[in-house]
Amino acid sequence: MPINSKLVHRVCVVGGGSWGTAVAKLVSENTERWPEFEPLVKLWVHDAALAATINEQHENTKYLPGVKMPDAVVAEADLSAALSLATLVIIAVPHEFLHGEIFRKILVGGAANCRVCSLVKGLDVVDGRPALVTERMRRDLLGLDVSVLMGANIAAEVAAGSFCEATLGVRTAEDGPVWQRVFNRPWFRVNVVMDATGVELCAALKPIVAIGGETCTDAHAHASTDAHARTRTRSRTHTRRRAQTHARITHRHAPGLGLSTRAMIRPAPSPPLASGGFCDGLGCGANTKAAIVRVGLEEMRRFSKLFFPHVRTATFFEACGVAEVVVSAYSGRTRRCAEAFAREVAAGGPAPNWAALELELLGDQKLPAMHRLREVMECVRAQGPRAQARFPLFSAIHAIAFHGAPPSRVLKLPERVAWRQRTLRPSLLGDGPLAVPLLLLVAAVGGFVLAVALSHAAPGPLLQQLLAPPPPPPPPPPPKKLLWFLG
């Protein structure tokens, strides 16, 4: 269905959590703006009481409190009613709650040619290999188009209108303009790429890197807190003395200036140290986290290329890749739980239970990163020890989280050349598994073209000499006559 079709698009968001609610608010601003959309956006919420509260108070008081929803967003507890004649379906339910009943109702209640966009972050494991969630969606939806939208997007900030980016991965060129107009806003920039697999894999693997980034930072922070505290004390003392000296000089050389003018000349106070994590603002801790984030992004790319060779490397530099890894390592649910885990272990206590941390820190929300970490390592180990050696960070995070290894394990990665060697493949044709066969094919075609060209070209003296048949061999010498003497 092209975007300029006379048929009106009806949008339904399946999932009333924090992210689904923020997306419904975002999409409603576009449906009221563009004439090809029906202004009303249906939001399916599994809790009937919460749906009534959203419609009455225009606020999701459970998952996104403090954010007012527009009147165009209507919550529905009945999924069939929410999906009635929907042409654009956005799935925003957690991975663990994604079941076949949702797909069956989309086929029954949605429009016959509806499109689906997945915001679900996760992986399925089938026979020791990772399988995309969107592949299961397409199979259960009998081949309907399924795109993906991922990025460095915290629900509360998106709902508040903070500038951010997202990556829209599509499989057909016709889906890009439709979904981009659904999501794109001046403060929510959507970039379309023809690599839906890569976009989905980036979002599925990034929580593992977030665990490692926060764990290593907290472990290192305990060892360096005293030294940094002394450095901050000396820095504050030095800054205070400089400010006092500058104030005396200003007052002495500009006695007639008013108070406001002297305040303008007086230097601004030094900025406060950054805070927001266990050791944010500590120079060494930030260096360590940046290194772990880089290694993690590299292992994300390796994992994706190992099981899905057609994934594009450029996708990892989109908002769904490096940007989402950075924001997850510095904020979010995974970071909070990893911080609490590392603090407890670094303090000398036993390793806390992840389920207990999830209940204590997240309440009704879930922490899918730990289950995903188990699945990813299951797939890596199934490939053998040689493949596992290519993922030292993932292996270290798994050992810390589930096998009692100390958090400092992530700081003891092998040398880069030991696990990042590249095979000698022709860079002109890429570094994928088909590079060598492609080179042989190009050589064969080139030889054939050269032979045809030579056969049709006017032969010059040198070419005549090269193409001339070889001279005949010289005749053999005559046989010698043997004389027999009879005696």
Protein backbone atom coordinates (compact mmCIF):
# COMPACT_ATOMS: atom_id res chain seq x y z
CA MET A 1 0.00 0.00 0.00
CA PRO A 2 1.82 3.21 -1.11
CA ILE A 3 1.88 6.13 1.25
CA ASN A 4 -0.16 8.39 -1.03
CA SER A 5 -2.95 5.84 -1.29
CA LYS A 6 -6.50 7.06 -0.88
CA LEU A 7 -7.03 4.38 1.74
CA VAL A 8 -6.57 5.71 5.27
CA HIS A 9 -3.93 4.04 7.45
CA ARG A 10 -5.04 2.90 10.88
CA VAL A 11 -2.31 2.45 13.46
CA CYS A 12 -2.38 0.06 16.41
CA VAL A 13 0.36 -0.26 19.05
CA VAL A 14 0.42 -3.69 20.71
CA GLY A 15 1.95 -3.32 24.16
CA GLY A 16 1.21 -0.79 26.90
CA GLY A 17 4.56 -0.74 28.68
CA SER A 18 6.76 2.32 28.97
CA TRP A 19 8.17 2.04 25.45
CA GLY A 20 4.86 1.16 23.82
CA THR A 21 3.17 4.10 25.54
CA ALA A 22 5.91 6.52 24.48
CA VAL A 23 5.70 5.27 20.88
CA ALA A 24 1.90 5.65 20.86
CA LYS A 25 2.28 9.26 21.96
CA LEU A 26 4.93 9.86 19.29
CA VAL A 27 2.92 8.23 16.50
CA SER A 28 -0.28 10.10 17.41
CA GLU A 29 1.43 13.40 16.68
CA ASN A 30 2.07 12.22 13.11
CA THR A 31 -1.35 10.65 12.56
CA GLU A 32 -2.98 13.97 13.42
CA ARG A 33 -0.59 15.76 11.08
CA TRP A 34 -0.75 13.71 7.87
CA PRO A 35 -4.03 13.23 5.96
CA GLU A 36 -3.33 9.60 4.95
CA PHE A 37 -3.63 8.48 8.59
CA GLU A 38 -6.66 8.09 10.76
CA PRO A 39 -5.94 10.38 13.75
CA LEU A 40 -6.93 7.80 16.36
CA VAL A 41 -4.15 5.48 17.61
CA LYS A 42 -5.21 2.32 19.43
CA LEU A 43 -2.98 1.14 22.29
CA TRP A 44 -3.49 -2.41 23.49
CA VAL A 45 -2.95 -2.81 27.24
CA HIS A 46 -3.38 -6.26 28.79
CA ASP A 47 -4.70 -4.80 32.07
CA ALA A 48 -8.29 -3.54 31.78
CA ALA A 49 -7.98 -1.33 34.86
CA LEU A 50 -4.84 0.32 33.46
CA ALA A 51 -6.56 0.86 30.11
CA ALA A 52 -9.42 2.62 31.87
CA THR A 53 -6.97 4.80 33.80
CA ILE A 54 -5.15 5.80 30.60
CA ASN A 55 -8.42 6.80 28.93
CA GLU A 56 -9.70 8.72 31.96
CA GLN A 57 -6.52 10.42 33.18
CA HIS A 58 -4.57 10.38 29.87
CA GLU A 59 -1.57 8.97 31.67
CA ASN A 60 0.01 5.55 32.03
CA THR A 61 0.40 5.77 35.78
CA LYS A 62 2.04 2.35 36.07
CA TYR A 63 4.75 2.32 33.39
CA LEU A 64 5.16 5.96 32.30
CA PRO A 65 3.94 8.21 35.13
CA GLY A 66 4.02 11.95 34.75
CA VAL A 67 3.62 11.93 30.96
CA LYS A 68 0.32 13.22 29.61
CA MET A 69 -1.07 11.31 26.66
CA PRO A 70 -2.94 13.07 23.84
CA ASP A 71 -6.61 12.47 23.31
CA ALA A 72 -5.84 10.67 20.05
CA VAL A 73 -4.39 7.70 21.97
CA VAL A 74 -7.13 5.31 23.06
CA ALA A 75 -6.26 2.33 25.24
CA GLU A 76 -7.99 -1.01 24.64
CA ALA A 77 -7.87 -4.10 26.83
CA ASP A 78 -9.37 -6.25 24.04
CA LEU A 79 -6.69 -7.02 21.48
CA SER A 80 -9.19 -7.91 18.76
CA ALA A 81 -10.94 -4.57 19.15
CA ALA A 82 -7.64 -2.69 19.11
CA LEU A 83 -6.54 -4.45 15.91
CA SER A 84 -9.82 -3.99 14.05
CA LEU A 85 -9.00 -3.07 10.42
CA ALA A 86 -5.53 -1.84 11.37
CA THR A 87 -3.21 -1.38 8.38
CA LEU A 88 -0.08 -0.57 10.44
CA VAL A 89 0.62 -2.70 13.51
CA ILE A 90 3.47 -1.83 15.89
CA ILE A 91 4.47 -4.67 18.25
CA ALA A 92 6.07 -3.41 21.48
CA VAL A 93 5.57 -6.28 23.92
CA PRO A 94 8.54 -7.84 25.77
CA HIS A 95 10.16 -10.82 24.13
CA GLU A 96 9.06 -13.25 26.83
CA PHE A 97 5.37 -12.29 26.33
CA LEU A 98 5.39 -12.65 22.55
CA HIS A 99 3.11 -15.58 21.75
CA GLY A 100 1.16 -16.96 18.82
CA GLU A 101 -2.21 -15.63 19.98
CA ILE A 102 -1.07 -12.10 19.16
CA PHE A 103 -0.23 -13.08 15.60
CA ARG A 104 -3.45 -15.00 15.15
CA LYS A 105 -5.50 -11.95 16.16
CA ILE A 106 -3.48 -9.73 13.83
CA LEU A 107 -4.39 -12.03 10.93
CA VAL A 108 -8.06 -12.12 11.95
CA GLY A 109 -8.63 -8.50 12.98
CA GLY A 110 -6.10 -6.52 10.95
CA ALA A 111 -6.43 -5.43 7.36
CA ALA A 112 -5.59 -8.02 4.71
CA ASN A 113 -2.48 -6.13 3.53
CA CYS A 114 -1.36 -4.72 6.87
CA ARG A 115 2.27 -4.04 7.66
CA VAL A 116 3.98 -4.91 10.93
CA CYS A 117 6.88 -3.13 12.66
CA SER A 118 8.63 -4.86 15.55
CA LEU A 119 10.11 -3.03 18.54
CA VAL A 120 10.83 -6.36 20.27
CA LYS A 121 14.42 -6.87 21.41
CA GLY A 122 15.45 -10.48 21.76
CA LEU A 123 16.70 -13.66 20.13
CA ASP A 124 15.30 -17.13 19.68
CA VAL A 125 17.63 -20.13 19.87
CA VAL A 126 16.87 -23.11 17.63
CA ASP A 127 19.22 -26.12 17.68
CA GLY A 128 22.10 -24.13 19.13
CA ARG A 129 21.84 -21.31 16.61
CA PRO A 130 20.29 -17.85 17.00
CA ALA A 131 17.04 -17.17 15.17
CA LEU A 132 15.51 -13.75 14.59
CA VAL A 133 12.28 -12.84 16.33
CA THR A 134 11.01 -11.25 13.12
CA GLU A 135 11.50 -14.55 11.30
CA ARG A 136 9.07 -16.16 13.73
CA MET A 137 6.71 -13.24 13.25
CA ARG A 138 6.74 -13.58 9.47
CA ARG A 139 6.19 -17.31 9.73
CA ASP A 140 3.24 -16.95 12.10
CA LEU A 141 1.86 -13.98 10.14
CA LEU A 142 1.89 -16.00 6.90
CA GLY A 143 4.48 -13.85 5.15
CA LEU A 144 3.36 -10.34 6.08
CA ASP A 145 5.99 -7.62 5.88
CA VAL A 146 7.82 -7.11 9.19
CA SER A 147 10.18 -4.16 9.70
CA VAL A 148 12.14 -3.26 12.85
CA LEU A 149 12.74 0.02 14.69
CA MET A 150 15.62 0.16 17.18
CA GLY A 151 17.82 2.88 18.63
CA ALA A 152 19.21 4.68 21.65
CA ASN A 153 15.77 5.53 22.97
CA ILE A 154 14.85 5.79 26.65
CA ALA A 155 11.06 5.85 26.89
CA ALA A 156 10.79 8.76 29.34
CA GLU A 157 13.10 10.95 27.25
CA VAL A 158 11.29 10.13 24.02
CA ALA A 159 7.95 10.96 25.63
CA ALA A 160 9.39 14.26 26.88
CA GLY A 161 10.49 15.24 23.37
CA SER A 162 14.27 15.01 23.87
CA PHE A 163 16.21 14.82 20.62
CA CYS A 164 17.27 11.32 19.68
CA GLU A 165 17.67 8.99 16.71
CA ALA A 166 16.38 5.58 15.70
CA THR A 167 17.15 3.15 12.91
CA LEU A 168 14.39 1.65 10.81
CA GLY A 169 15.37 -1.64 9.21
CA VAL A 170 13.23 -2.71 6.24
CA ARG A 171 13.37 -5.62 3.79
CA THR A 172 11.48 -3.99 0.92
CA ALA A 173 11.97 -0.47 -0.38
CA GLU A 174 8.22 0.21 -0.30
CA ASP A 175 8.07 -0.13 3.51
CA GLY A 176 10.64 2.57 4.23
CA PRO A 177 8.64 5.73 3.35
CA VAL A 178 5.50 4.43 5.08
CA TRP A 179 7.10 3.65 8.43
CA GLN A 180 9.36 6.68 8.33
CA ARG A 181 6.36 8.97 8.10
CA VAL A 182 4.75 7.08 10.99
CA PHE A 183 7.72 7.56 13.35
CA ASN A 184 9.83 10.48 12.14
CA ARG A 185 9.58 13.77 14.02
CA PRO A 186 11.88 16.83 14.11
CA TRP A 187 13.20 15.64 17.48
CA PHE A 188 12.98 11.90 16.70
CA ARG A 189 15.08 11.36 13.60
CA VAL A 190 14.57 8.06 11.83
CA ASN A 191 17.15 6.69 9.40
CA VAL A 192 16.06 3.91 7.04
CA VAL A 193 18.46 1.07 6.15
CA MET A 194 17.93 -2.03 4.03
CA ASP A 195 19.36 -4.29 6.74
CA ALA A 196 16.57 -5.34 9.06
CA THR A 197 18.62 -8.31 10.29
CA GLY A 198 21.53 -6.14 11.39
CA VAL A 199 19.25 -3.65 13.13
CA GLU A 200 17.54 -6.42 15.08
CA LEU A 201 20.79 -8.10 16.09
CA CYS A 202 22.29 -4.84 17.39
CA ALA A 203 19.36 -4.32 19.73
CA ALA A 204 19.38 -7.94 20.88
CA LEU A 205 23.09 -8.03 21.77
CA LYS A 206 23.63 -4.60 23.31
CA PRO A 207 22.42 -5.50 26.87
CA ILE A 208 25.35 -7.90 27.20
CA VAL A 209 27.80 -5.08 26.59
CA ALA A 210 25.89 -2.90 29.05
CA ILE A 211 26.44 -5.52 31.76
CA GLY A 212 30.17 -5.62 31.09
CA GLY A 213 30.58 -1.87 30.86
CA GLU A 214 29.03 -1.22 34.25
CA THR A 215 30.53 -4.26 35.99
CA CYS A 216 34.10 -3.41 35.04
CA THR A 217 33.65 0.23 35.91
CA ASP A 218 32.32 -0.51 39.37
CA ALA A 219 35.06 -3.03 40.08
CA HIS A 220 37.74 -0.60 39.07
CA ALA A 221 36.12 2.27 40.93
CA HIS A 222 36.49 0.57 44.31
CA ALA A 223 40.24 0.34 43.75
CA SER A 224 40.63 3.98 42.73
CA THR A 225 38.04 5.87 44.78
CA ASP A 226 40.50 7.07 47.44
CA ALA A 227 43.01 8.34 44.92
CA HIS A 228 40.35 10.21 42.96
CA ALA A 229 38.89 11.66 46.14
CA ARG A 230 42.29 13.13 47.03
CA THR A 231 42.60 14.48 43.48
CA ARG A 232 39.17 16.14 43.69
CA THR A 233 40.04 17.70 47.07
CA ARG A 234 43.27 19.19 45.72
CA SER A 235 41.44 20.40 42.60
CA ARG A 236 38.71 22.14 44.62
CA THR A 237 41.30 23.78 46.91
CA HIS A 238 43.32 25.02 43.95
CA THR A 239 40.22 26.37 42.20
CA ARG A 240 39.02 28.16 45.36
CA ARG A 241 42.41 29.86 45.83
CA ARG A 242 42.49 30.97 42.21
CA ALA A 243 38.99 32.42 42.51
CA GLN A 244 39.90 34.33 45.70
CA THR A 245 43.07 35.72 44.10
CA HIS A 246 41.19 36.77 40.96
CA ALA A 247 38.49 38.47 43.04
CA ARG A 248 41.09 40.52 44.95
CA ILE A 249 42.79 41.58 41.71
CA THR A 250 39.46 42.52 40.14
CA HIS A 251 38.36 44.59 43.11
CA ARG A 252 41.76 46.34 43.29
CA HIS A 253 42.02 47.28 39.60
CA ALA A 254 38.33 48.02 39.03
CA PRO A 255 37.10 49.65 42.22
CA GLY A 256 34.48 51.75 40.47
CA LEU A 257 32.79 48.85 38.82
CA GLY A 258 29.45 47.75 40.15
CA LEU A 259 28.82 44.38 41.73
CA SER A 260 27.25 42.95 38.62
CA THR A 261 30.24 43.99 36.50
CA ARG A 262 32.69 42.45 38.93
CA ALA A 263 30.61 39.30 38.87
CA MET A 264 30.94 39.24 35.09
CA ILE A 265 34.73 39.48 35.33
CA ARG A 266 34.96 36.86 38.07
CA PRO A 267 35.59 33.43 36.55
CA ALA A 268 32.75 30.97 36.46
CA PRO A 269 32.88 28.19 39.06
CA SER A 270 34.34 24.91 37.95
CA PRO A 271 31.74 22.43 36.68
CA PRO A 272 30.68 19.75 39.14
CA LEU A 273 31.90 16.24 38.65
CA ALA A 274 29.56 14.14 36.59
CA SER A 275 27.34 11.71 38.43
CA GLY A 276 24.72 9.18 37.44
CA GLY A 277 26.54 5.89 37.82
CA PHE A 278 28.67 4.37 40.53
CA CYS A 279 31.86 5.98 39.24
CA ASP A 280 30.76 8.46 36.56
CA GLY A 281 33.13 11.38 36.52
CA LEU A 282 36.17 9.24 37.46
CA GLY A 283 38.63 9.58 34.60
CA CYS A 284 40.03 6.07 34.85
CA GLY A 285 36.57 4.55 35.15
CA ALA A 286 35.38 6.35 32.02
CA ASN A 287 38.42 5.13 30.11
CA THR A 288 37.74 1.57 31.19
CA LYS A 289 34.08 1.73 30.25
CA ALA A 290 34.91 3.20 26.83
CA ALA A 291 37.36 0.35 26.17
CA ILE A 292 34.81 -2.29 27.17
CA VAL A 293 32.14 -0.65 25.01
CA ARG A 294 34.48 -0.75 22.00
CA VAL A 295 35.40 -4.39 22.54
CA GLY A 296 31.74 -5.24 23.09
CA LEU A 297 30.71 -3.56 19.86
CA GLU A 298 33.38 -5.54 18.03
CA GLU A 299 32.13 -8.83 19.49
CA MET A 300 28.56 -7.90 18.57
CA ARG A 301 29.71 -7.53 14.98
CA ARG A 302 31.62 -10.83 15.15
CA PHE A 303 28.61 -12.70 16.51
CA SER A 304 26.34 -11.25 13.82
CA LYS A 305 28.78 -12.06 11.01
CA LEU A 306 29.33 -15.58 12.36
CA PHE A 307 25.66 -16.56 12.17
CA PHE A 308 24.30 -13.99 9.66
CA PRO A 309 27.10 -13.27 7.14
CA HIS A 310 24.98 -10.90 5.03
CA VAL A 311 24.72 -8.33 7.85
CA ARG A 312 26.23 -4.98 6.89
CA THR A 313 29.08 -3.62 9.00
CA ALA A 314 27.82 -0.05 8.47
CA THR A 315 24.67 -0.89 10.45
CA PHE A 316 26.71 -1.09 13.66
CA PHE A 317 27.50 2.61 13.30
CA GLU A 318 23.81 3.56 13.16
CA ALA A 319 21.66 4.59 16.12
CA CYS A 320 20.72 0.95 16.67
CA GLY A 321 24.38 0.02 17.07
CA VAL A 322 27.02 2.19 18.69
CA ALA A 323 24.53 4.76 20.01
CA GLU A 324 22.36 2.17 21.73
CA VAL A 325 25.39 0.42 23.22
CA VAL A 326 26.61 3.71 24.70
CA VAL A 327 23.25 4.70 26.20
CA SER A 328 22.73 1.21 27.62
CA ALA A 329 26.18 1.22 29.24
CA TYR A 330 25.51 4.55 30.96
CA SER A 331 21.80 4.27 31.83
CA GLY A 332 18.84 1.92 31.84
CA ARG A 333 17.66 -1.14 33.74
CA THR A 334 20.59 -3.38 32.84
CA ARG A 335 23.09 -0.82 34.06
CA ARG A 336 21.30 -0.40 37.40
CA CYS A 337 21.22 -4.11 38.12
CA ALA A 338 24.83 -4.63 37.01
CA GLU A 339 25.92 -1.75 39.23
CA ALA A 340 24.23 -3.27 42.28
CA PHE A 341 25.72 -6.68 41.47
CA ALA A 342 29.26 -5.30 41.13
CA ARG A 343 28.99 -3.24 44.32
CA GLU A 344 27.96 -6.26 46.34
CA VAL A 345 30.74 -8.46 44.94
CA ALA A 346 33.43 -5.76 45.24
CA ALA A 347 32.44 -5.17 48.88
CA GLY A 348 33.31 -8.79 49.66
CA GLY A 349 29.80 -10.17 49.85
CA PRO A 350 28.37 -13.13 47.98
CA ALA A 351 27.18 -12.68 44.41
CA PRO A 352 23.53 -11.55 44.60
CA ASN A 353 20.77 -13.39 42.80
CA TRP A 354 19.70 -11.72 39.58
CA ALA A 355 16.04 -12.48 40.15
CA ALA A 356 16.21 -10.79 43.56
CA LEU A 357 17.91 -7.74 42.05
CA GLU A 358 15.26 -7.60 39.35
CA LEU A 359 12.47 -7.65 41.91
CA GLU A 360 14.16 -5.12 44.20
CA LEU A 361 15.23 -2.57 41.61
CA LEU A 362 12.76 -2.98 38.76
CA GLY A 363 9.51 -4.01 40.42
CA ASP A 364 7.14 -5.20 37.72
CA GLN A 365 9.65 -4.73 34.91
CA LYS A 366 11.90 -7.52 33.70
CA LEU A 367 15.61 -7.86 33.05
CA PRO A 368 15.93 -9.87 29.83
CA ALA A 369 19.66 -9.29 29.50
CA MET A 370 20.66 -12.23 31.71
CA HIS A 371 18.54 -14.74 29.82
CA ARG A 372 19.89 -13.35 26.54
CA LEU A 373 23.46 -13.70 27.81
CA ARG A 374 22.85 -17.41 28.45
CA GLU A 375 21.37 -17.84 24.96
CA VAL A 376 24.23 -16.07 23.22
CA MET A 377 26.87 -18.11 25.03
CA GLU A 378 24.94 -21.28 24.25
CA CYS A 379 25.16 -20.44 20.55
CA VAL A 380 28.85 -19.54 20.77
CA ARG A 381 29.80 -22.71 22.64
CA ALA A 382 27.96 -24.83 20.12
CA GLN A 383 30.46 -23.62 17.50
CA GLY A 384 33.40 -25.09 19.40
CA PRO A 385 36.29 -23.76 21.50
CA ARG A 386 37.90 -21.96 18.57
CA ALA A 387 34.79 -19.85 18.03
CA GLN A 388 34.43 -19.22 21.76
CA ALA A 389 37.99 -17.85 21.89
CA ARG A 390 36.87 -15.06 19.56
CA PHE A 391 34.47 -13.73 22.23
CA PRO A 392 36.59 -13.10 25.33
CA LEU A 393 34.40 -10.28 26.66
CA PHE A 394 31.14 -12.20 26.32
CA SER A 395 32.78 -15.20 27.98
CA ALA A 396 34.13 -13.07 30.85
CA ILE A 397 30.73 -11.42 31.46
CA HIS A 398 29.06 -14.84 31.52
CA ALA A 399 31.63 -16.16 33.98
CA ILE A 400 31.13 -13.15 36.28
CA ALA A 401 27.34 -13.28 36.16
CA PHE A 402 26.82 -17.02 36.61
CA HIS A 403 30.04 -18.75 37.69
CA GLY A 404 31.39 -16.59 40.48
CA ALA A 405 34.31 -15.02 38.60
CA PRO A 406 35.52 -11.68 40.02
CA PRO A 407 34.40 -8.51 38.18
CA SER A 408 38.05 -7.74 37.41
CA ARG A 409 37.92 -10.65 34.94
CA VAL A 410 36.78 -8.27 32.20
CA LEU A 411 40.01 -6.31 32.57
CA LYS A 412 42.11 -9.39 31.71
CA LEU A 413 41.23 -9.80 28.07
CA PRO A 414 43.83 -11.39 25.78
CA GLU A 415 45.98 -9.36 23.48
CA ARG A 416 44.11 -7.93 20.55
CA VAL A 417 46.22 -9.69 17.92
CA ALA A 418 45.42 -13.05 19.56
CA TRP A 419 41.69 -12.79 18.91
CA ARG A 420 41.32 -10.21 16.15
CA GLN A 421 43.47 -11.69 13.41
CA ARG A 422 42.02 -11.31 9.96
CA THR A 423 42.38 -13.88 7.23
CA LEU A 424 44.02 -12.76 4.02
CA ARG A 425 40.97 -12.09 1.92
CA PRO A 426 40.86 -9.56 -0.91
CA SER A 427 39.67 -6.28 0.56
CA LEU A 428 38.28 -5.15 -2.79
CA LEU A 429 35.48 -7.70 -2.55
CA GLY A 430 34.93 -7.43 1.21
CA ASP A 431 35.79 -9.83 3.98
CA GLY A 432 32.81 -12.16 3.81
CA PRO A 433 32.92 -15.91 3.20
CA LEU A 434 32.17 -15.43 -0.53
CA ALA A 435 35.17 -13.16 -1.16
CA VAL A 436 37.51 -15.87 -2.52
CA PRO A 437 34.88 -17.53 -4.79
CA LEU A 438 33.97 -14.09 -6.13
CA LEU A 439 37.62 -13.39 -6.90
CA LEU A 440 37.93 -16.67 -8.83
CA LEU A 441 34.74 -15.88 -10.75
CA VAL A 442 36.00 -12.40 -11.65
CA ALA A 443 39.32 -13.88 -12.82
CA ALA A 444 37.56 -16.47 -14.99
CA VAL A 445 35.25 -13.87 -16.58
CA GLY A 446 38.18 -11.55 -17.15
CA GLY A 447 40.17 -14.30 -18.90
CA PHE A 448 37.22 -15.15 -21.12
CA VAL A 449 36.67 -11.51 -22.09
CA LEU A 450 40.37 -11.10 -22.86
CA ALA A 451 40.37 -14.21 -25.07
CA VAL A 452 37.33 -12.98 -27.02
CA ALA A 453 38.88 -9.56 -27.47
CA LEU A 454 42.13 -11.01 -28.77
CA SER A 455 40.31 -13.27 -31.21
CA HIS A 456 38.46 -10.31 -32.79
CA ALA A 457 41.33 -7.81 -32.75
CA ALA A 458 43.40 -6.99 -35.85
CA PRO A 459 46.64 -8.88 -35.31
CA GLY A 460 49.78 -6.76 -35.22
CA PRO A 461 53.34 -8.00 -35.77
CA LEU A 462 53.86 -8.84 -32.14
CA LEU A 463 50.42 -10.43 -31.83
CA GLN A 464 51.02 -12.42 -35.05
CA GLN A 465 54.24 -13.71 -33.61
CA LEU A 466 52.51 -14.69 -30.36
CA LEU A 467 49.56 -16.33 -32.09
CA ALA A 468 51.55 -18.03 -34.88
CA PRO A 469 51.59 -21.82 -34.69
CA PRO A 470 54.88 -23.34 -33.60
CA PRO A 471 57.26 -24.39 -36.40
CA PRO A 472 57.27 -28.10 -37.35
CA PRO A 473 59.98 -30.20 -35.75
CA PRO A 474 63.09 -30.96 -37.91
CA PRO A 475 63.10 -34.33 -39.78
CA PRO A 476 64.98 -37.15 -38.10
CA PRO A 477 68.47 -37.98 -39.50
CA PRO A 478 68.65 -40.91 -42.00
CA PRO A 479 69.50 -44.26 -40.45
CA LYS A 480 73.03 -45.48 -40.77
CA LYS A 481 73.54 -48.44 -43.11
CA LEU A 482 74.99 -51.50 -41.47
CA LEU A 483 77.35 -53.61 -43.54
CA TRP A 484 77.52 -57.23 -42.84
CA PHE A 485 80.62 -59.07 -43.86
CA LEU A 486 80.55 -62.70 -44.35
CA GLY A 487 83.75 -64.36 -43.72
